[in-house]
Amino acid sequence: MEEFGENTINIIENNPMKLLDIPNIGIKRVHEIKDSWQKHKHIKNLMIFLSNCGISTTVAHKIYKVYGEESITKLKENPYKIVDDIYGLGFKTSDMIAEKLGLSKESYNRCRTGIFHILNEFSREGNCYASLDELN
């Protein structure tokens, strides 16, 4: 949108009806642009947030599919929840996010998720229990 130059994003976010000044853009198209920007704005912010945690865009898409616009809020509340909610994401991914958020290594959510992670690793090897010595 060359008409607005560097102000394009500001106009889309704060004054989208100004887009009607552009030839061949009607009210329906303005709403489509505004809605599309809102959707992509959230995923863009999530990708930026997760890239700072060392997390790929593929993982960001998986998280966005489940949590939508609330993705960053949910991750900040409890990054370990993704282990339960999103197939294919595990303890290591959630722990990377938690570390960047500065969460305690002794937090309840980390300990709970870590225990389940270790027990799942043992069960993949055919074990149905783990002794305390093996867990240390």
N, C-alpha and C. Protein backbone atom coordinates (compact mmCIF):
# COMPACT_ATOMS: atom_id res chain seq x y z
N MET A 1 0.84 -1.18 0.00
CA MET A 1 0.00 0.00 0.00
C MET A 1 0.88 1.24 0.00
N GLU A 2 1.32 1.56 -1.17
CA GLU A 2 2.24 2.66 -1.35
C GLU A 2 1.65 4.01 -0.92
N GLU A 3 0.33 4.12 -0.93
CA GLU A 3 -0.33 5.37 -0.59
C GLU A 3 0.02 5.86 0.81
N PHE A 4 0.26 4.94 1.72
CA PHE A 4 0.49 5.31 3.12
C PHE A 4 1.94 5.13 3.55
N GLY A 5 2.74 4.48 2.73
CA GLY A 5 4.16 4.31 3.04
C GLY A 5 4.39 3.63 4.39
N GLU A 6 5.24 4.26 5.19
CA GLU A 6 5.61 3.69 6.49
C GLU A 6 4.45 3.67 7.49
N ASN A 7 3.38 4.41 7.20
CA ASN A 7 2.23 4.47 8.10
C ASN A 7 1.20 3.37 7.85
N THR A 8 1.46 2.50 6.88
CA THR A 8 0.48 1.49 6.50
C THR A 8 0.04 0.63 7.67
N ILE A 9 0.98 0.10 8.43
CA ILE A 9 0.63 -0.78 9.55
C ILE A 9 -0.16 -0.01 10.59
N ASN A 10 0.26 1.20 10.88
CA ASN A 10 -0.45 2.03 11.85
C ASN A 10 -1.90 2.28 11.41
N ILE A 11 -2.09 2.52 10.13
CA ILE A 11 -3.44 2.77 9.60
C ILE A 11 -4.28 1.49 9.68
N ILE A 12 -3.70 0.36 9.30
CA ILE A 12 -4.45 -0.90 9.36
C ILE A 12 -4.88 -1.19 10.80
N GLU A 13 -3.99 -0.95 11.75
CA GLU A 13 -4.30 -1.25 13.15
C GLU A 13 -5.23 -0.23 13.79
N ASN A 14 -5.06 1.06 13.48
CA ASN A 14 -5.76 2.10 14.24
C ASN A 14 -6.83 2.87 13.47
N ASN A 15 -6.75 2.87 12.15
CA ASN A 15 -7.72 3.62 11.37
C ASN A 15 -7.97 2.93 10.03
N PRO A 16 -8.44 1.68 10.06
CA PRO A 16 -8.57 0.92 8.81
C PRO A 16 -9.54 1.52 7.80
N MET A 17 -10.49 2.33 8.24
CA MET A 17 -11.44 2.93 7.29
C MET A 17 -10.74 3.90 6.33
N LYS A 18 -9.57 4.35 6.69
CA LYS A 18 -8.79 5.22 5.81
C LYS A 18 -8.37 4.46 4.54
N LEU A 19 -8.39 3.14 4.61
CA LEU A 19 -8.07 2.33 3.42
C LEU A 19 -9.09 2.55 2.30
N LEU A 20 -10.26 3.05 2.66
CA LEU A 20 -11.27 3.33 1.64
C LEU A 20 -10.83 4.43 0.69
N ASP A 21 -9.81 5.20 1.07
CA ASP A 21 -9.27 6.25 0.20
C ASP A 21 -8.51 5.68 -1.00
N ILE A 22 -8.18 4.39 -0.92
CA ILE A 22 -7.44 3.75 -2.00
C ILE A 22 -8.44 3.29 -3.06
N PRO A 23 -8.17 3.61 -4.33
CA PRO A 23 -9.10 3.19 -5.39
C PRO A 23 -9.30 1.67 -5.40
N ASN A 24 -10.52 1.25 -5.67
CA ASN A 24 -10.92 -0.16 -5.81
C ASN A 24 -10.91 -0.94 -4.49
N ILE A 25 -10.84 -0.28 -3.37
CA ILE A 25 -10.97 -0.97 -2.08
C ILE A 25 -12.29 -0.54 -1.46
N GLY A 26 -13.13 -1.56 -1.23
CA GLY A 26 -14.43 -1.30 -0.62
C GLY A 26 -14.45 -1.73 0.83
N ILE A 27 -15.59 -1.56 1.45
CA ILE A 27 -15.73 -1.85 2.88
C ILE A 27 -15.48 -3.33 3.19
N LYS A 28 -15.93 -4.21 2.31
CA LYS A 28 -15.71 -5.64 2.51
C LYS A 28 -14.21 -5.95 2.53
N ARG A 29 -13.49 -5.38 1.60
CA ARG A 29 -12.04 -5.62 1.50
C ARG A 29 -11.32 -5.02 2.73
N VAL A 30 -11.77 -3.87 3.20
CA VAL A 30 -11.19 -3.25 4.40
C VAL A 30 -11.32 -4.21 5.58
N HIS A 31 -12.51 -4.80 5.74
CA HIS A 31 -12.72 -5.75 6.84
C HIS A 31 -11.84 -6.99 6.69
N GLU A 32 -11.68 -7.48 5.45
CA GLU A 32 -10.81 -8.63 5.21
C GLU A 32 -9.36 -8.31 5.58
N ILE A 33 -8.90 -7.13 5.19
CA ILE A 33 -7.52 -6.72 5.50
C ILE A 33 -7.34 -6.60 7.01
N LYS A 34 -8.28 -5.96 7.65
CA LYS A 34 -8.20 -5.76 9.10
C LYS A 34 -8.20 -7.11 9.83
N ASP A 35 -9.11 -7.99 9.46
CA ASP A 35 -9.20 -9.31 10.10
C ASP A 35 -7.95 -10.14 9.87
N SER A 36 -7.45 -10.11 8.64
CA SER A 36 -6.24 -10.86 8.31
C SER A 36 -5.05 -10.32 9.11
N TRP A 37 -4.94 -9.00 9.20
CA TRP A 37 -3.83 -8.41 9.96
C TRP A 37 -3.91 -8.82 11.43
N GLN A 38 -5.10 -8.80 12.01
CA GLN A 38 -5.25 -9.17 13.42
C GLN A 38 -4.79 -10.61 13.65
N LYS A 39 -5.20 -11.50 12.75
CA LYS A 39 -4.82 -12.90 12.89
C LYS A 39 -3.31 -13.06 12.76
N HIS A 40 -2.73 -12.46 11.76
CA HIS A 40 -1.31 -12.61 11.52
C HIS A 40 -0.46 -11.85 12.54
N LYS A 41 -1.02 -10.79 13.07
CA LYS A 41 -0.29 -10.02 14.09
C LYS A 41 -0.02 -10.90 15.31
N HIS A 42 -1.00 -11.70 15.72
CA HIS A 42 -0.84 -12.56 16.89
C HIS A 42 0.19 -13.65 16.64
N ILE A 43 0.14 -14.27 15.48
CA ILE A 43 1.10 -15.34 15.21
C ILE A 43 2.50 -14.76 15.03
N LYS A 44 2.60 -13.57 14.45
CA LYS A 44 3.90 -12.90 14.32
C LYS A 44 4.49 -12.63 15.70
N ASN A 45 3.67 -12.11 16.60
CA ASN A 45 4.14 -11.84 17.97
C ASN A 45 4.55 -13.13 18.67
N LEU A 46 3.81 -14.21 18.44
CA LEU A 46 4.16 -15.50 19.03
C LEU A 46 5.49 -15.99 18.48
N MET A 47 5.68 -15.87 17.17
CA MET A 47 6.94 -16.32 16.57
C MET A 47 8.13 -15.52 17.11
N ILE A 48 7.96 -14.23 17.28
CA ILE A 48 9.03 -13.41 17.85
C ILE A 48 9.31 -13.85 19.28
N PHE A 49 8.25 -14.03 20.06
CA PHE A 49 8.38 -14.46 21.45
C PHE A 49 9.12 -15.79 21.55
N LEU A 50 8.72 -16.76 20.72
CA LEU A 50 9.31 -18.09 20.78
C LEU A 50 10.71 -18.14 20.17
N SER A 51 10.98 -17.31 19.17
CA SER A 51 12.32 -17.30 18.60
C SER A 51 13.34 -16.83 19.63
N ASN A 52 12.92 -15.96 20.52
CA ASN A 52 13.80 -15.53 21.61
C ASN A 52 14.06 -16.65 22.61
N CYS A 53 13.22 -17.69 22.55
CA CYS A 53 13.40 -18.86 23.42
C CYS A 53 14.11 -19.99 22.68
N GLY A 54 14.46 -19.77 21.41
CA GLY A 54 15.12 -20.81 20.62
C GLY A 54 14.16 -21.83 20.05
N ILE A 55 12.89 -21.44 19.90
CA ILE A 55 11.85 -22.35 19.42
C ILE A 55 11.53 -22.02 17.96
N SER A 56 11.36 -23.05 17.13
CA SER A 56 11.14 -22.87 15.69
C SER A 56 9.74 -22.35 15.36
N THR A 57 9.60 -21.87 14.12
CA THR A 57 8.31 -21.39 13.65
C THR A 57 7.31 -22.54 13.51
N THR A 58 7.81 -23.74 13.23
CA THR A 58 6.93 -24.91 13.13
C THR A 58 6.25 -25.16 14.47
N VAL A 59 7.01 -25.09 15.54
CA VAL A 59 6.44 -25.26 16.89
C VAL A 59 5.48 -24.12 17.20
N ALA A 60 5.84 -22.92 16.79
CA ALA A 60 4.96 -21.76 17.01
C ALA A 60 3.60 -21.99 16.36
N HIS A 61 3.59 -22.54 15.13
CA HIS A 61 2.32 -22.83 14.45
C HIS A 61 1.50 -23.86 15.22
N LYS A 62 2.15 -24.89 15.73
CA LYS A 62 1.44 -25.91 16.50
C LYS A 62 0.80 -25.28 17.74
N ILE A 63 1.54 -24.44 18.42
CA ILE A 63 1.02 -23.79 19.62
C ILE A 63 -0.13 -22.86 19.25
N TYR A 64 0.02 -22.10 18.17
CA TYR A 64 -1.03 -21.18 17.75
C TYR A 64 -2.31 -21.90 17.37
N LYS A 65 -2.19 -23.06 16.75
CA LYS A 65 -3.38 -23.84 16.37
C LYS A 65 -4.20 -24.22 17.59
N VAL A 66 -3.53 -24.47 18.71
CA VAL A 66 -4.24 -24.90 19.91
C VAL A 66 -4.71 -23.70 20.75
N TYR A 67 -3.84 -22.73 20.95
CA TYR A 67 -4.15 -21.63 21.87
C TYR A 67 -4.60 -20.34 21.20
N GLY A 68 -4.38 -20.22 19.89
CA GLY A 68 -4.81 -19.03 19.18
C GLY A 68 -4.20 -17.75 19.72
N GLU A 69 -5.03 -16.72 19.80
CA GLU A 69 -4.57 -15.41 20.25
C GLU A 69 -4.08 -15.40 21.69
N GLU A 70 -4.44 -16.40 22.44
CA GLU A 70 -4.04 -16.49 23.85
C GLU A 70 -2.71 -17.21 24.04
N SER A 71 -2.02 -17.53 22.95
CA SER A 71 -0.80 -18.35 23.02
C SER A 71 0.24 -17.80 23.98
N ILE A 72 0.61 -16.55 23.83
CA ILE A 72 1.67 -15.99 24.67
C ILE A 72 1.22 -15.94 26.13
N THR A 73 -0.01 -15.56 26.36
CA THR A 73 -0.53 -15.52 27.73
C THR A 73 -0.49 -16.90 28.37
N LYS A 74 -0.93 -17.91 27.63
CA LYS A 74 -0.94 -19.28 28.16
C LYS A 74 0.48 -19.77 28.44
N LEU A 75 1.41 -19.47 27.55
CA LEU A 75 2.79 -19.90 27.75
C LEU A 75 3.41 -19.22 28.97
N LYS A 76 3.09 -17.96 29.16
CA LYS A 76 3.62 -17.25 30.33
C LYS A 76 3.02 -17.79 31.63
N GLU A 77 1.75 -18.20 31.58
CA GLU A 77 1.11 -18.76 32.77
C GLU A 77 1.73 -20.10 33.15
N ASN A 78 1.91 -20.97 32.15
CA ASN A 78 2.46 -22.30 32.42
C ASN A 78 2.96 -22.92 31.11
N PRO A 79 4.25 -22.73 30.81
CA PRO A 79 4.77 -23.28 29.56
C PRO A 79 4.75 -24.81 29.52
N TYR A 80 4.65 -25.45 30.67
CA TYR A 80 4.65 -26.92 30.71
C TYR A 80 3.31 -27.50 30.27
N LYS A 81 2.29 -26.67 30.17
CA LYS A 81 0.96 -27.13 29.76
C LYS A 81 0.98 -27.65 28.31
N ILE A 82 1.91 -27.16 27.50
CA ILE A 82 1.96 -27.62 26.10
C ILE A 82 2.23 -29.11 26.00
N VAL A 83 2.90 -29.67 27.00
CA VAL A 83 3.19 -31.11 26.98
C VAL A 83 1.89 -31.90 27.01
N ASP A 84 0.93 -31.44 27.81
CA ASP A 84 -0.36 -32.11 27.92
C ASP A 84 -1.31 -31.78 26.77
N ASP A 85 -1.19 -30.56 26.24
CA ASP A 85 -2.18 -30.07 25.29
C ASP A 85 -1.83 -30.26 23.82
N ILE A 86 -0.53 -30.37 23.50
CA ILE A 86 -0.13 -30.35 22.10
C ILE A 86 0.73 -31.57 21.77
N TYR A 87 0.18 -32.42 20.92
CA TYR A 87 0.88 -33.64 20.53
C TYR A 87 2.21 -33.29 19.86
N GLY A 88 3.25 -33.97 20.27
CA GLY A 88 4.55 -33.78 19.66
C GLY A 88 5.45 -32.78 20.36
N LEU A 89 4.90 -32.04 21.31
CA LEU A 89 5.73 -31.10 22.07
C LEU A 89 5.98 -31.69 23.44
N GLY A 90 7.22 -31.62 23.87
CA GLY A 90 7.59 -32.30 25.10
C GLY A 90 8.23 -31.40 26.13
N PHE A 91 8.77 -32.08 27.12
CA PHE A 91 9.36 -31.41 28.27
C PHE A 91 10.50 -30.47 27.87
N LYS A 92 11.35 -30.91 26.97
CA LYS A 92 12.51 -30.10 26.61
C LYS A 92 12.09 -28.76 25.99
N THR A 93 11.08 -28.80 25.13
CA THR A 93 10.58 -27.56 24.52
C THR A 93 9.99 -26.64 25.58
N SER A 94 9.14 -27.19 26.42
CA SER A 94 8.52 -26.36 27.46
C SER A 94 9.56 -25.84 28.44
N ASP A 95 10.58 -26.63 28.71
CA ASP A 95 11.62 -26.22 29.64
C ASP A 95 12.45 -25.07 29.06
N MET A 96 12.67 -25.08 27.75
CA MET A 96 13.40 -23.97 27.10
C MET A 96 12.62 -22.66 27.24
N ILE A 97 11.30 -22.75 27.06
CA ILE A 97 10.46 -21.56 27.19
C ILE A 97 10.48 -21.07 28.64
N ALA A 98 10.32 -22.00 29.57
CA ALA A 98 10.30 -21.65 30.99
C ALA A 98 11.60 -21.00 31.43
N GLU A 99 12.70 -21.52 30.93
CA GLU A 99 14.00 -20.95 31.29
C GLU A 99 14.11 -19.50 30.83
N LYS A 100 13.69 -19.23 29.60
CA LYS A 100 13.74 -17.85 29.08
C LYS A 100 12.80 -16.93 29.84
N LEU A 101 11.72 -17.50 30.38
CA LEU A 101 10.79 -16.70 31.17
C LEU A 101 11.30 -16.49 32.60
N GLY A 102 12.38 -17.19 32.94
CA GLY A 102 12.96 -17.03 34.27
C GLY A 102 12.22 -17.78 35.36
N LEU A 103 11.50 -18.84 34.97
CA LEU A 103 10.76 -19.61 35.97
C LEU A 103 11.69 -20.50 36.77
N SER A 104 11.33 -20.74 37.99
CA SER A 104 12.14 -21.54 38.90
C SER A 104 12.25 -22.99 38.44
N LYS A 105 13.43 -23.55 38.59
CA LYS A 105 13.63 -24.97 38.26
C LYS A 105 12.93 -25.86 39.28
N GLU A 106 12.54 -25.30 40.41
CA GLU A 106 11.85 -26.08 41.43
C GLU A 106 10.33 -25.88 41.39
N SER A 107 9.81 -25.25 40.35
CA SER A 107 8.37 -24.99 40.29
C SER A 107 7.58 -26.30 40.23
N TYR A 108 6.39 -26.26 40.77
CA TYR A 108 5.52 -27.44 40.77
C TYR A 108 5.31 -27.95 39.34
N ASN A 109 4.98 -27.03 38.42
CA ASN A 109 4.68 -27.44 37.05
C ASN A 109 5.87 -28.11 36.38
N ARG A 110 7.08 -27.60 36.63
CA ARG A 110 8.27 -28.21 36.04
C ARG A 110 8.52 -29.59 36.64
N CYS A 111 8.42 -29.69 37.95
CA CYS A 111 8.65 -30.99 38.61
C CYS A 111 7.65 -32.03 38.14
N ARG A 112 6.37 -31.66 38.07
CA ARG A 112 5.31 -32.57 37.63
C ARG A 112 5.59 -33.05 36.21
N THR A 113 5.85 -32.11 35.32
CA THR A 113 6.06 -32.45 33.91
C THR A 113 7.35 -33.25 33.74
N GLY A 114 8.38 -32.89 34.49
CA GLY A 114 9.64 -33.62 34.43
C GLY A 114 9.50 -35.06 34.87
N ILE A 115 8.75 -35.28 35.93
CA ILE A 115 8.52 -36.65 36.42
C ILE A 115 7.80 -37.48 35.36
N PHE A 116 6.76 -36.92 34.78
CA PHE A 116 6.04 -37.64 33.72
C PHE A 116 6.94 -37.89 32.52
N HIS A 117 7.79 -36.95 32.19
CA HIS A 117 8.72 -37.11 31.07
C HIS A 117 9.66 -38.29 31.32
N ILE A 118 10.26 -38.34 32.49
CA ILE A 118 11.19 -39.42 32.83
C ILE A 118 10.47 -40.77 32.84
N LEU A 119 9.29 -40.81 33.44
CA LEU A 119 8.54 -42.07 33.49
C LEU A 119 8.14 -42.52 32.09
N ASN A 120 7.80 -41.58 31.22
CA ASN A 120 7.48 -41.94 29.84
C ASN A 120 8.70 -42.50 29.12
N GLU A 121 9.87 -41.93 29.39
CA GLU A 121 11.09 -42.44 28.79
C GLU A 121 11.34 -43.89 29.24
N PHE A 122 11.15 -44.16 30.53
CA PHE A 122 11.31 -45.52 31.03
C PHE A 122 10.30 -46.47 30.39
N SER A 123 9.05 -46.03 30.23
CA SER A 123 8.02 -46.90 29.67
C SER A 123 8.29 -47.21 28.20
N ARG A 124 8.91 -46.29 27.47
CA ARG A 124 9.26 -46.55 26.07
C ARG A 124 10.30 -47.66 25.95
N GLU A 125 11.06 -47.84 27.00
CA GLU A 125 12.08 -48.90 27.02
C GLU A 125 11.49 -50.22 27.52
N GLY A 126 10.17 -50.23 27.76
CA GLY A 126 9.52 -51.45 28.20
C GLY A 126 9.39 -51.59 29.71
N ASN A 127 9.80 -50.60 30.45
CA ASN A 127 9.71 -50.67 31.92
C ASN A 127 8.35 -50.17 32.37
N CYS A 128 7.87 -50.73 33.46
CA CYS A 128 6.59 -50.28 34.03
C CYS A 128 6.80 -49.58 35.37
N TYR A 129 8.05 -49.43 35.79
CA TYR A 129 8.36 -48.67 37.00
C TYR A 129 9.82 -48.23 36.94
N ALA A 130 10.17 -47.34 37.85
CA ALA A 130 11.56 -46.90 37.96
C ALA A 130 11.91 -46.79 39.43
N SER A 131 13.06 -47.30 39.81
CA SER A 131 13.49 -47.21 41.20
C SER A 131 13.98 -45.79 41.48
N LEU A 132 14.02 -45.44 42.73
CA LEU A 132 14.48 -44.12 43.14
C LEU A 132 15.92 -43.88 42.68
N ASP A 133 16.76 -44.90 42.75
CA ASP A 133 18.15 -44.76 42.30
C ASP A 133 18.21 -44.43 40.80
N GLU A 134 17.34 -45.03 40.00
CA GLU A 134 17.33 -44.75 38.56
C GLU A 134 16.87 -43.32 38.26
N LEU A 135 16.01 -42.81 39.10
CA LEU A 135 15.50 -41.46 38.90
C LEU A 135 16.49 -40.40 39.32
N ASN A 136 17.41 -40.77 40.20
CA ASN A 136 18.42 -39.79 40.65
C ASN A 136 19.41 -39.67 39.57
